Amino acid sequence: MNDKLPPDPCCRLASVSTEPHGHAAQRRPDASGRWLALGVLSLAQLMDVLDNTIVNIALPSAQHDLGFSSADRQWIVTGYTLAFGSLLLLGGRLSDLFGRRRMFLIGVIGLLLASAMGGAAASFNALLLARIGQGACAALLAPAALSLLSVIFSDQAEERGRAFAVFGAVSGVGGVLGLLLGGVLTEALSWRWSLYINLIFGAVALLGALAFLPRDDSPQRMPLDLSGAIAATLGLLGIVSGLGNAAANGWSGLGTLGPLLAGLGLMIAFVLIEHHAEQPMLPLRIVLDRTRGGAYLTLGVTGMGMFAVFLFLSYYLQDILKFGPILSGAAFLPMIGAVVVSSIVSGAALFPRMGPRWLVSAGCGLAAVGMAMFTAIDANSSYAAHILPPLLVSGLGFGMIISPVQNAATSGVQHQDAGAASALVSAAQQIGGAIGIAVFNSLSSTAIAAHTARHAASASRPASIIDATLAGNHLVFGAACGAFLCGGILATLLFRSGPIAPRPLA
């Protein structure tokens, strides 16, 4: 079938290509246009990742300004997480059904509006609604961006490797950059600029998308799997909500077990629905492929470990070493450099020749070594001698994980499934991060309580808050080391040796 599209003034750099088996025609940009498109997609990815962390440092100022309680404060973070995590699979499938470029544009415009609303919020409810809107629009944007990247760079292994190297580097550094940028904007301007900054990024991304992203509108509309969409959305909502409640309610609390069990039950129902659906929202062939299934599992497990560095090390720097918010963010800059270098070298130079198996395994090993090094920090540790070395080692490991795994997770996928496959990448990271938050907070609290109880009756060495906190941090970093080791084992067992062919499956 030769679906020749009419000339598109917004895509003058694109040339028409046809897809076999009745797939949608895809305008792929020429050589220079591809890299301009990559810049647009990377900027959108940066917006997605920034929004997970940039507001965190600004929350105390927002709380003081708007006058809401500390109990309400967590909902500004949780509202975004719940909307983003629960709607990812639906967002990915909508990209496949209605066009990746269209969903990308809708996501960017929605994120612009939600960010403007949040920056101008005059009450807690308005700010919460804006954060929920940001999460929902990010759930449209993230899978659309990754699937566009996968389709645009689908035919040449070396170009694809370089593109995913850049995209992976942005994914790896965005969270840390959000912490730094949030501190700078809050101290220099106002907490509102942690939301307004999206207006600048979003405007550039929108103009770039209109100019450089190829059209991929499908001439054949397939019906949306409504029952599968409802089951997946509510199931993910339950899982993310239950994990988010674990720190406050404990693992046996009704607020934790209720949503978790309901979410798991709905996800089992979702799998059964998809198995029998004529047009499933998530075709099971996506996850049953050995390479992609291994990529999703590895992303989930390593996502737990990455969380430990960003959150608990930030706590350590501010609570124990007394770094300010800006200095704490700046402390991660060497890690950003290590992630960028490692992502580019591993994704562009090594992945096309080696494939993901030994590359990701080595990255997990390096990250595990970095976590093990963090278990030696104490109240008298210096940044240069005790913090910087494991930051660099962990950053090199992260870069060797993120870019190759994202590439592997979207390689060989059928054209009409690219959005769903890309959504699973973000969903795996989101669920892994949520599990990491719940488990590591629980481990930390348990270790702190145990340390305090052991020293409570000691007159010679009474309990110290700093020592108890360090005991919790050491346990968390040790558990993160174990998570990365598990990720390395999964990568070794599930990925095949050798490079992955970039062509779509028939």
Protein backbone atom coordinates (compact mmCIF):
# COMPACT_ATOMS: atom_id res chain seq x y z
CA MET A 1 0.00 0.00 0.00
CA ASN A 2 1.42 3.33 -1.02
CA ASP A 3 -0.09 6.06 1.17
CA LYS A 4 1.26 9.24 -0.34
CA LEU A 5 0.60 12.20 1.88
CA PRO A 6 -0.04 15.71 0.59
CA PRO A 7 2.68 18.31 0.99
CA ASP A 8 2.98 19.58 4.55
CA PRO A 9 4.31 23.10 5.01
CA CYS A 10 5.24 22.26 8.61
CA CYS A 11 7.44 19.37 7.55
CA ARG A 12 9.43 20.61 4.55
CA LEU A 13 12.45 18.62 5.64
CA ALA A 14 10.48 15.39 5.59
CA SER A 15 10.28 12.84 2.83
CA VAL A 16 7.53 10.27 2.33
CA SER A 17 8.14 6.65 3.23
CA THR A 18 5.65 3.83 3.30
CA GLU A 19 5.13 1.12 5.89
CA PRO A 20 4.32 -2.50 5.01
CA HIS A 21 1.19 -4.40 5.96
CA GLY A 22 -1.09 -1.39 5.89
CA HIS A 23 0.71 0.57 8.58
CA ALA A 24 0.42 4.31 8.74
CA ALA A 25 2.56 6.30 6.39
CA GLN A 26 5.38 7.97 8.24
CA ARG A 27 7.15 11.11 7.08
CA ARG A 28 10.72 10.74 8.25
CA PRO A 29 12.89 13.86 8.21
CA ASP A 30 16.06 13.84 6.15
CA ALA A 31 19.49 13.64 7.81
CA SER A 32 19.57 17.21 9.14
CA GLY A 33 15.88 17.23 9.98
CA ARG A 34 16.26 14.14 12.15
CA TRP A 35 18.66 15.88 14.49
CA LEU A 36 16.44 18.94 14.72
CA ALA A 37 13.56 16.63 15.58
CA LEU A 38 15.77 14.96 18.21
CA GLY A 39 16.38 18.37 19.80
CA VAL A 40 12.63 18.96 20.06
CA LEU A 41 11.98 15.52 21.54
CA SER A 42 14.85 15.84 24.00
CA LEU A 43 13.51 19.21 25.19
CA ALA A 44 10.10 17.62 25.76
CA GLN A 45 11.72 14.79 27.69
CA LEU A 46 13.56 17.34 29.80
CA MET A 47 10.24 18.99 30.67
CA ASP A 48 8.80 15.63 31.72
CA VAL A 49 11.72 14.71 33.96
CA LEU A 50 12.12 18.21 35.42
CA ASP A 51 8.50 18.30 36.52
CA ASN A 52 9.09 15.25 38.74
CA THR A 53 11.59 17.11 40.93
CA ILE A 54 11.70 20.87 40.25
CA VAL A 55 8.70 21.67 42.45
CA ASN A 56 10.00 19.66 45.43
CA ILE A 57 12.49 22.28 46.62
CA ALA A 58 9.98 25.07 45.99
CA LEU A 59 7.26 23.45 48.15
CA PRO A 60 8.17 25.05 51.50
CA SER A 61 7.98 28.52 49.92
CA ALA A 62 4.69 27.68 48.21
CA GLN A 63 3.30 26.35 51.50
CA HIS A 64 4.22 29.57 53.31
CA ASP A 65 2.80 31.75 50.54
CA LEU A 66 -0.50 29.92 50.07
CA GLY A 67 -0.94 28.85 53.69
CA PHE A 68 -1.64 25.14 53.32
CA SER A 69 -0.69 22.47 55.87
CA SER A 70 2.29 20.11 55.85
CA ALA A 71 -0.14 17.21 55.45
CA ASP A 72 -1.47 18.81 52.27
CA ARG A 73 2.02 19.56 50.97
CA GLN A 74 2.71 15.96 49.94
CA TRP A 75 -0.30 16.03 47.61
CA ILE A 76 1.40 18.57 45.36
CA VAL A 77 3.95 15.85 44.57
CA THR A 78 1.54 12.91 44.82
CA GLY A 79 -1.08 14.51 42.57
CA TYR A 80 1.42 14.76 39.72
CA THR A 81 2.71 11.23 40.31
CA LEU A 82 -0.73 9.63 40.42
CA ALA A 83 -1.93 11.33 37.22
CA PHE A 84 1.29 10.62 35.35
CA GLY A 85 1.69 7.01 36.45
CA SER A 86 -1.93 5.95 35.98
CA LEU A 87 -2.45 7.49 32.52
CA LEU A 88 0.81 6.44 30.82
CA LEU A 89 -0.49 3.30 29.11
CA LEU A 90 -3.58 5.11 27.90
CA GLY A 91 -1.43 7.99 26.63
CA GLY A 92 0.81 5.61 24.74
CA ARG A 93 -2.08 3.86 23.03
CA LEU A 94 -3.72 7.15 22.09
CA SER A 95 -0.48 8.02 20.28
CA ASP A 96 -0.77 4.83 18.24
CA LEU A 97 -4.43 5.40 17.42
CA PHE A 98 -4.55 9.14 16.73
CA GLY A 99 -1.00 10.02 15.74
CA ARG A 100 2.16 10.50 17.75
CA ARG A 101 2.74 14.05 16.54
CA ARG A 102 -0.83 15.03 17.39
CA MET A 103 -0.56 13.62 20.92
CA PHE A 104 2.83 15.29 21.33
CA LEU A 105 1.35 18.68 20.45
CA ILE A 106 -1.65 18.15 22.72
CA GLY A 107 0.68 17.14 25.56
CA VAL A 108 2.91 20.20 25.13
CA ILE A 109 -0.03 22.62 24.90
CA GLY A 110 -1.68 21.03 27.93
CA LEU A 111 1.54 21.20 29.91
CA LEU A 112 1.89 24.89 29.02
CA LEU A 113 -1.63 25.65 30.24
CA ALA A 114 -1.28 23.59 33.43
CA SER A 115 2.10 25.20 34.24
CA ALA A 116 0.69 28.69 33.73
CA MET A 117 -2.24 27.83 35.99
CA GLY A 118 0.09 26.46 38.66
CA GLY A 119 2.40 29.45 38.56
CA ALA A 120 -0.55 31.80 39.02
CA ALA A 121 -2.27 29.64 41.68
CA ALA A 122 -3.81 31.60 44.53
CA SER A 123 -4.85 28.59 46.62
CA PHE A 124 -3.84 25.04 47.46
CA ASN A 125 -6.67 23.58 45.38
CA ALA A 126 -5.64 25.55 42.30
CA LEU A 127 -2.02 24.42 42.66
CA LEU A 128 -3.05 20.79 43.18
CA LEU A 129 -5.33 20.88 40.12
CA ALA A 130 -2.49 22.32 38.06
CA ARG A 131 -0.09 19.59 39.18
CA ILE A 132 -2.64 16.91 38.31
CA GLY A 133 -3.01 18.55 34.90
CA GLN A 134 0.77 18.56 34.46
CA GLY A 135 0.90 14.85 35.24
CA ALA A 136 -1.92 14.00 32.85
CA CYS A 137 -0.36 15.98 30.00
CA ALA A 138 3.07 14.49 30.71
CA ALA A 139 1.45 11.05 30.36
CA LEU A 140 0.51 12.02 26.79
CA LEU A 141 3.84 13.68 26.05
CA ALA A 142 6.34 11.12 27.34
CA PRO A 143 5.29 8.07 25.28
CA ALA A 144 4.64 10.23 22.20
CA ALA A 145 8.16 11.66 22.36
CA LEU A 146 9.89 8.30 22.83
CA SER A 147 7.82 6.57 20.13
CA LEU A 148 8.52 9.42 17.68
CA LEU A 149 12.22 9.02 18.42
CA SER A 150 11.99 5.28 17.86
CA VAL A 151 10.18 5.66 14.54
CA ILE A 152 12.30 8.53 13.18
CA PHE A 153 15.53 6.66 13.95
CA SER A 154 14.37 3.17 13.07
CA ASP A 155 16.47 2.26 10.05
CA GLN A 156 20.15 2.92 10.85
CA ALA A 157 21.71 1.34 13.95
CA GLU A 158 24.49 3.89 14.43
CA GLU A 159 22.23 6.93 14.02
CA ARG A 160 19.67 5.33 16.31
CA GLY A 161 22.37 4.68 18.90
CA ARG A 162 23.51 8.30 18.82
CA ALA A 163 19.93 9.57 19.09
CA PHE A 164 19.12 7.37 22.08
CA ALA A 165 22.43 8.37 23.66
CA VAL A 166 21.33 12.01 23.66
CA PHE A 167 17.79 11.17 24.77
CA GLY A 168 19.08 8.88 27.52
CA ALA A 169 21.49 11.55 28.76
CA VAL A 170 18.58 13.99 29.07
CA SER A 171 16.54 11.37 30.95
CA GLY A 172 19.42 10.73 33.32
CA VAL A 173 20.26 14.33 34.19
CA GLY A 174 16.79 15.87 34.20
CA GLY A 175 15.90 14.88 37.75
CA VAL A 176 19.11 16.30 39.22
CA LEU A 177 18.84 19.41 37.06
CA GLY A 178 15.33 19.88 38.41
CA LEU A 179 16.62 19.96 41.99
CA LEU A 180 19.26 22.53 41.08
CA LEU A 181 16.97 24.66 38.93
CA GLY A 182 14.20 24.55 41.52
CA GLY A 183 16.56 25.86 44.20
CA VAL A 184 17.97 28.61 41.99
CA LEU A 185 14.58 29.82 40.76
CA THR A 186 13.01 29.73 44.22
CA GLU A 187 15.84 31.68 45.87
CA ALA A 188 16.44 34.12 43.01
CA LEU A 189 12.85 34.76 41.88
CA SER A 190 9.91 32.90 43.39
CA TRP A 191 8.57 29.37 43.83
CA ARG A 192 6.13 30.21 41.03
CA TRP A 193 8.99 30.15 38.53
CA SER A 194 9.48 26.44 39.16
CA LEU A 195 6.23 26.15 37.17
CA TYR A 196 6.58 29.16 34.89
CA ILE A 197 9.90 27.82 33.53
CA ASN A 198 7.84 25.31 31.53
CA LEU A 199 6.37 28.19 29.54
CA ILE A 200 9.82 28.88 28.09
CA PHE A 201 10.71 25.25 27.43
CA GLY A 202 7.21 24.45 26.19
CA ALA A 203 7.04 27.35 23.74
CA VAL A 204 10.33 26.30 22.13
CA ALA A 205 9.20 22.66 22.03
CA LEU A 206 5.86 23.61 20.47
CA LEU A 207 7.40 25.72 17.71
CA GLY A 208 10.02 23.05 17.06
CA ALA A 209 7.39 20.33 16.89
CA LEU A 210 5.33 22.25 14.34
CA ALA A 211 8.43 22.80 12.21
CA PHE A 212 10.39 19.57 12.45
CA LEU A 213 8.31 16.64 13.70
CA PRO A 214 6.91 14.39 10.94
CA ARG A 215 3.23 13.68 10.50
CA ASP A 216 2.15 10.11 11.19
CA ASP A 217 -1.63 10.29 11.06
CA SER A 218 -3.12 6.87 10.43
CA PRO A 219 -5.66 6.60 7.60
CA GLN A 220 -7.38 3.73 9.42
CA ARG A 221 -8.88 4.42 12.83
CA MET A 222 -9.01 1.46 15.23
CA PRO A 223 -11.42 1.46 18.18
CA LEU A 224 -9.99 2.18 21.63
CA ASP A 225 -10.00 -0.79 23.98
CA LEU A 226 -12.17 0.99 26.54
CA SER A 227 -12.40 -1.82 29.10
CA GLY A 228 -8.64 -2.36 28.95
CA ALA A 229 -8.03 1.39 29.27
CA ILE A 230 -10.22 1.63 32.38
CA ALA A 231 -8.65 -1.45 34.00
CA ALA A 232 -5.08 -0.28 33.30
CA THR A 233 -5.68 3.31 34.43
CA LEU A 234 -7.41 2.34 37.68
CA GLY A 235 -4.96 -0.50 38.30
CA LEU A 236 -1.91 1.72 37.96
CA LEU A 237 -3.65 4.39 40.05
CA GLY A 238 -4.18 1.85 42.84
CA ILE A 239 -0.59 0.57 42.75
CA VAL A 240 1.02 4.02 42.71
CA SER A 241 -1.39 5.30 45.38
CA GLY A 242 -0.81 2.32 47.67
CA LEU A 243 2.95 2.58 47.38
CA GLY A 244 2.77 6.30 48.05
CA ASN A 245 0.80 5.67 51.26
CA ALA A 246 3.20 3.04 52.59
CA ALA A 247 5.57 5.52 54.24
CA ALA A 248 2.78 7.15 56.26
CA ASN A 249 0.48 4.17 56.89
CA GLY A 250 2.93 1.26 57.01
CA TRP A 251 2.77 -1.83 54.82
CA SER A 252 -0.08 -3.38 56.79
CA GLY A 253 -2.25 -0.26 56.88
CA LEU A 254 -5.55 -0.24 55.04
CA GLY A 255 -4.51 2.84 53.08
CA THR A 256 -1.58 0.84 51.69
CA LEU A 257 -2.94 -2.68 51.29
CA GLY A 258 -6.36 -1.63 50.00
CA PRO A 259 -5.19 0.33 46.93
CA LEU A 260 -2.30 -2.09 46.31
CA LEU A 261 -4.48 -5.21 46.26
CA ALA A 262 -7.17 -3.47 44.23
CA GLY A 263 -4.55 -2.23 41.76
CA LEU A 264 -2.92 -5.63 41.39
CA GLY A 265 -6.33 -7.26 40.90
CA LEU A 266 -7.22 -4.75 38.19
CA MET A 267 -3.88 -5.28 36.44
CA ILE A 268 -4.51 -9.06 36.40
CA ALA A 269 -7.93 -8.33 34.93
CA PHE A 270 -6.24 -6.02 32.41
CA VAL A 271 -3.95 -8.82 31.22
CA LEU A 272 -6.96 -11.14 30.78
CA ILE A 273 -8.85 -8.44 28.89
CA GLU A 274 -5.90 -7.81 26.58
CA HIS A 275 -5.48 -11.53 25.93
CA HIS A 276 -9.00 -11.75 24.50
CA ALA A 277 -9.42 -8.27 22.99
CA GLU A 278 -9.51 -7.94 19.19
CA GLN A 279 -7.77 -4.53 19.35
CA PRO A 280 -5.98 -4.56 22.72
CA MET A 281 -4.70 -1.37 24.28
CA LEU A 282 -1.45 -3.15 25.13
CA PRO A 283 -0.76 -6.01 22.73
CA LEU A 284 0.89 -8.71 24.83
CA ARG A 285 3.43 -9.36 22.08
CA ILE A 286 5.16 -6.18 23.24
CA VAL A 287 6.01 -7.46 26.71
CA LEU A 288 6.41 -11.15 25.78
CA ASP A 289 9.35 -10.36 23.52
CA ARG A 290 12.47 -11.40 25.42
CA THR A 291 14.49 -8.26 24.71
CA ARG A 292 11.72 -5.79 25.47
CA GLY A 293 10.49 -7.72 28.50
CA GLY A 294 14.03 -7.75 29.86
CA ALA A 295 14.33 -4.01 29.24
CA TYR A 296 11.13 -3.21 31.16
CA LEU A 297 12.13 -5.40 34.12
CA THR A 298 15.62 -3.91 34.21
CA LEU A 299 14.23 -0.37 34.08
CA GLY A 300 11.88 -1.07 36.97
CA VAL A 301 14.54 -2.62 39.21
CA THR A 302 17.25 -0.04 38.48
CA GLY A 303 14.70 2.77 38.85
CA MET A 304 14.39 1.75 42.50
CA GLY A 305 18.14 2.11 42.98
CA MET A 306 18.44 5.45 41.21
CA PHE A 307 15.85 6.90 43.53
CA ALA A 308 18.13 6.25 46.53
CA VAL A 309 20.88 8.51 45.21
CA PHE A 310 18.74 11.49 44.34
CA LEU A 311 16.52 11.56 47.43
CA PHE A 312 18.54 10.16 50.31
CA LEU A 313 21.81 11.76 49.25
CA SER A 314 19.97 15.10 48.99
CA TYR A 315 18.71 14.57 52.55
CA TYR A 316 22.24 13.70 53.69
CA LEU A 317 23.79 16.77 52.09
CA GLN A 318 21.22 19.14 53.60
CA ASP A 319 20.53 17.51 56.99
CA ILE A 320 23.99 16.16 57.89
CA LEU A 321 26.50 18.26 55.94
CA LYS A 322 24.26 21.39 56.10
CA PHE A 323 24.40 22.22 52.38
CA GLY A 324 21.82 24.73 51.16
CA PRO A 325 19.32 23.82 48.40
CA ILE A 326 21.39 25.36 45.60
CA LEU A 327 24.65 23.87 46.84
CA SER A 328 22.98 20.47 47.22
CA GLY A 329 21.83 20.60 43.62
CA ALA A 330 25.25 21.79 42.46
CA ALA A 331 26.84 18.85 44.29
CA PHE A 332 25.22 16.55 41.72
CA LEU A 333 26.70 18.38 38.71
CA PRO A 334 29.69 16.00 38.38
CA MET A 335 27.24 13.12 38.25
CA ILE A 336 25.38 14.91 35.44
CA GLY A 337 28.64 15.14 33.49
CA ALA A 338 29.36 11.45 34.10
CA VAL A 339 25.86 10.44 32.95
CA VAL A 340 26.14 12.53 29.76
CA VAL A 341 29.57 11.16 28.83
CA SER A 342 28.61 7.59 29.65
CA SER A 343 25.28 7.80 27.79
CA ILE A 344 26.90 9.17 24.64
CA VAL A 345 29.78 6.69 24.63
CA SER A 346 27.65 3.66 25.50
CA GLY A 347 24.64 4.60 23.37
CA ALA A 348 26.39 5.96 20.28
CA ALA A 349 29.63 3.99 20.10
CA LEU A 350 29.10 0.73 21.98
CA PHE A 351 25.41 -0.20 21.75
CA PRO A 352 25.27 -0.55 17.93
CA ARG A 353 28.21 -3.00 18.13
CA MET A 354 27.58 -4.79 21.42
CA GLY A 355 23.86 -4.65 22.07
CA PRO A 356 22.44 -4.24 25.58
CA ARG A 357 23.46 -7.43 27.39
CA TRP A 358 26.97 -6.81 28.66
CA LEU A 359 26.67 -3.02 28.42
CA VAL A 360 23.71 -2.82 30.81
CA SER A 361 25.19 -5.50 33.07
CA ALA A 362 28.41 -3.49 33.38
CA GLY A 363 26.42 -0.31 34.06
CA CYS A 364 24.50 -2.04 36.84
CA GLY A 365 27.79 -3.27 38.29
CA LEU A 366 29.25 0.24 38.33
CA ALA A 367 26.08 1.65 39.91
CA ALA A 368 26.20 -1.09 42.57
CA VAL A 369 29.83 -0.18 43.37
CA GLY A 370 28.81 3.47 43.72
CA MET A 371 25.99 2.56 46.12
CA ALA A 372 28.36 0.39 48.17
CA MET A 373 30.78 3.33 48.43
CA PHE A 374 27.96 5.53 49.79
CA THR A 375 27.49 3.15 52.73
CA ALA A 376 30.79 4.48 54.17
CA ILE A 377 29.73 8.14 54.49
CA ASP A 378 29.38 9.64 57.96
CA ALA A 379 28.89 12.98 59.69
CA ASN A 380 32.51 13.99 59.09
CA SER A 381 32.77 12.97 55.43
CA SER A 382 34.10 15.54 52.98
CA TYR A 383 32.53 16.11 49.60
CA ALA A 384 35.74 15.74 47.57
CA ALA A 385 36.97 12.58 49.27
CA HIS A 386 33.79 10.69 50.11
CA ILE A 387 30.88 12.01 48.02
CA LEU A 388 32.39 12.90 44.66
CA PRO A 389 34.00 9.51 43.83
CA PRO A 390 30.82 7.43 44.26
CA LEU A 391 28.82 10.13 42.44
CA LEU A 392 31.10 9.77 39.42
CA VAL A 393 31.08 5.96 39.53
CA SER A 394 27.27 5.86 39.86
CA GLY A 395 26.85 8.42 37.07
CA LEU A 396 28.95 6.35 34.69
CA GLY A 397 26.82 3.33 35.56
CA PHE A 398 23.52 5.20 35.10
CA GLY A 399 24.54 6.35 31.62
CA MET A 400 25.33 2.77 30.62
CA ILE A 401 21.87 1.69 31.78
CA ILE A 402 19.43 4.37 30.68
CA SER A 403 20.29 4.92 27.02
CA PRO A 404 20.83 1.24 26.03
CA VAL A 405 17.73 0.04 27.89
CA GLN A 406 15.49 2.70 26.34
CA ASN A 407 16.83 1.73 22.93
CA ALA A 408 16.30 -1.98 23.54
CA ALA A 409 12.79 -1.42 24.93
CA THR A 410 11.62 0.19 21.66
CA SER A 411 13.69 -1.78 19.15
CA GLY A 412 11.95 -4.14 16.75
CA VAL A 413 8.47 -3.02 17.80
CA GLN A 414 5.76 -2.96 15.16
CA HIS A 415 4.91 0.49 13.84
CA GLN A 416 1.39 0.53 15.26
CA ASP A 417 2.66 -0.48 18.72
CA ALA A 418 5.40 2.12 19.13
CA GLY A 419 3.35 4.33 21.46
CA ALA A 420 2.32 1.48 23.76
CA ALA A 421 5.89 0.15 23.91
CA SER A 422 7.21 3.64 24.73
CA ALA A 423 4.57 4.13 27.42
CA LEU A 424 5.77 0.96 29.12
CA VAL A 425 9.26 2.46 29.38
CA SER A 426 7.94 5.39 31.42
CA ALA A 427 5.54 3.14 33.34
CA ALA A 428 8.37 0.77 34.34
CA GLN A 429 10.47 3.70 35.57
CA GLN A 430 7.49 5.23 37.39
CA ILE A 431 6.48 2.01 39.16
CA GLY A 432 10.12 1.26 39.99
CA GLY A 433 10.53 4.73 41.47
CA ALA A 434 7.29 4.39 43.46
CA ILE A 435 8.42 1.03 44.86
CA GLY A 436 11.79 2.57 45.68
CA ILE A 437 10.16 5.44 47.58
CA ALA A 438 7.97 3.08 49.60
CA VAL A 439 10.58 0.41 50.33
CA PHE A 440 13.52 2.71 51.04
CA ASN A 441 11.50 5.04 53.26
CA SER A 442 10.30 2.01 55.18
CA LEU A 443 13.83 0.62 55.50
CA SER A 444 15.16 3.97 56.62
CA SER A 445 12.46 4.41 59.27
CA THR A 446 13.02 0.88 60.56
CA ALA A 447 16.78 1.37 60.82
CA ILE A 448 16.40 4.73 62.57
CA ALA A 449 13.94 3.26 65.10
CA ALA A 450 16.16 0.23 65.74
CA HIS A 451 19.27 2.38 66.23
CA THR A 452 17.43 4.70 68.62
CA ALA A 453 16.08 1.77 70.64
CA ARG A 454 19.51 0.14 70.92
CA HIS A 455 21.07 3.29 72.37
CA ALA A 456 18.12 4.57 74.40
CA ALA A 457 19.23 2.83 77.58
CA SER A 458 22.93 3.58 77.16
CA ALA A 459 24.17 6.28 79.52
CA SER A 460 27.65 6.30 78.02
CA ARG A 461 26.47 6.70 74.45
CA PRO A 462 22.92 8.04 74.21
CA ALA A 463 21.00 7.90 70.94
CA SER A 464 22.07 10.48 68.35
CA ILE A 465 19.70 11.76 65.71
CA ILE A 466 22.58 12.09 63.25
CA ASP A 467 23.85 8.57 63.95
CA ALA A 468 20.34 7.15 63.63
CA THR A 469 19.81 8.98 60.34
CA LEU A 470 23.11 7.70 59.01
CA ALA A 471 22.12 4.15 59.97
CA GLY A 472 19.00 4.58 57.86
CA ASN A 473 20.97 6.01 54.95
CA HIS A 474 23.51 3.18 55.06
CA LEU A 475 20.75 0.57 54.94
CA VAL A 476 19.09 2.35 52.00
CA PHE A 477 22.31 2.58 49.99
CA GLY A 478 23.04 -1.08 50.74
CA ALA A 479 19.56 -2.04 49.50
CA ALA A 480 20.08 0.10 46.38
CA CYS A 481 23.34 -1.76 45.77
CA GLY A 482 21.35 -5.00 45.89
CA ALA A 483 18.78 -3.57 43.46
CA PHE A 484 21.46 -2.76 40.90
CA LEU A 485 23.02 -6.19 41.30
CA CYS A 486 19.59 -7.72 40.61
CA GLY A 487 19.26 -5.46 37.56
CA GLY A 488 22.63 -6.69 36.29
CA ILE A 489 21.57 -10.31 36.74
CA LEU A 490 18.31 -9.67 34.87
CA ALA A 491 20.18 -7.98 32.02
CA THR A 492 22.64 -10.88 31.76
CA LEU A 493 19.91 -13.53 31.76
CA LEU A 494 17.26 -11.87 29.59
CA PHE A 495 19.13 -9.86 26.95
CA ARG A 496 20.66 -11.73 24.03
CA SER A 497 24.31 -11.22 23.16
CA GLY A 498 25.16 -9.07 20.15
CA PRO A 499 23.60 -6.00 18.54
CA ILE A 500 19.87 -5.54 17.99
CA ALA A 501 18.55 -5.10 14.45
CA PRO A 502 16.86 -1.66 14.20
CA ARG A 503 14.21 -2.65 11.66
CA PRO A 504 10.58 -3.03 12.78
CA LEU A 505 9.13 -6.50 13.15
CA ALA A 506 6.77 -7.71 10.48
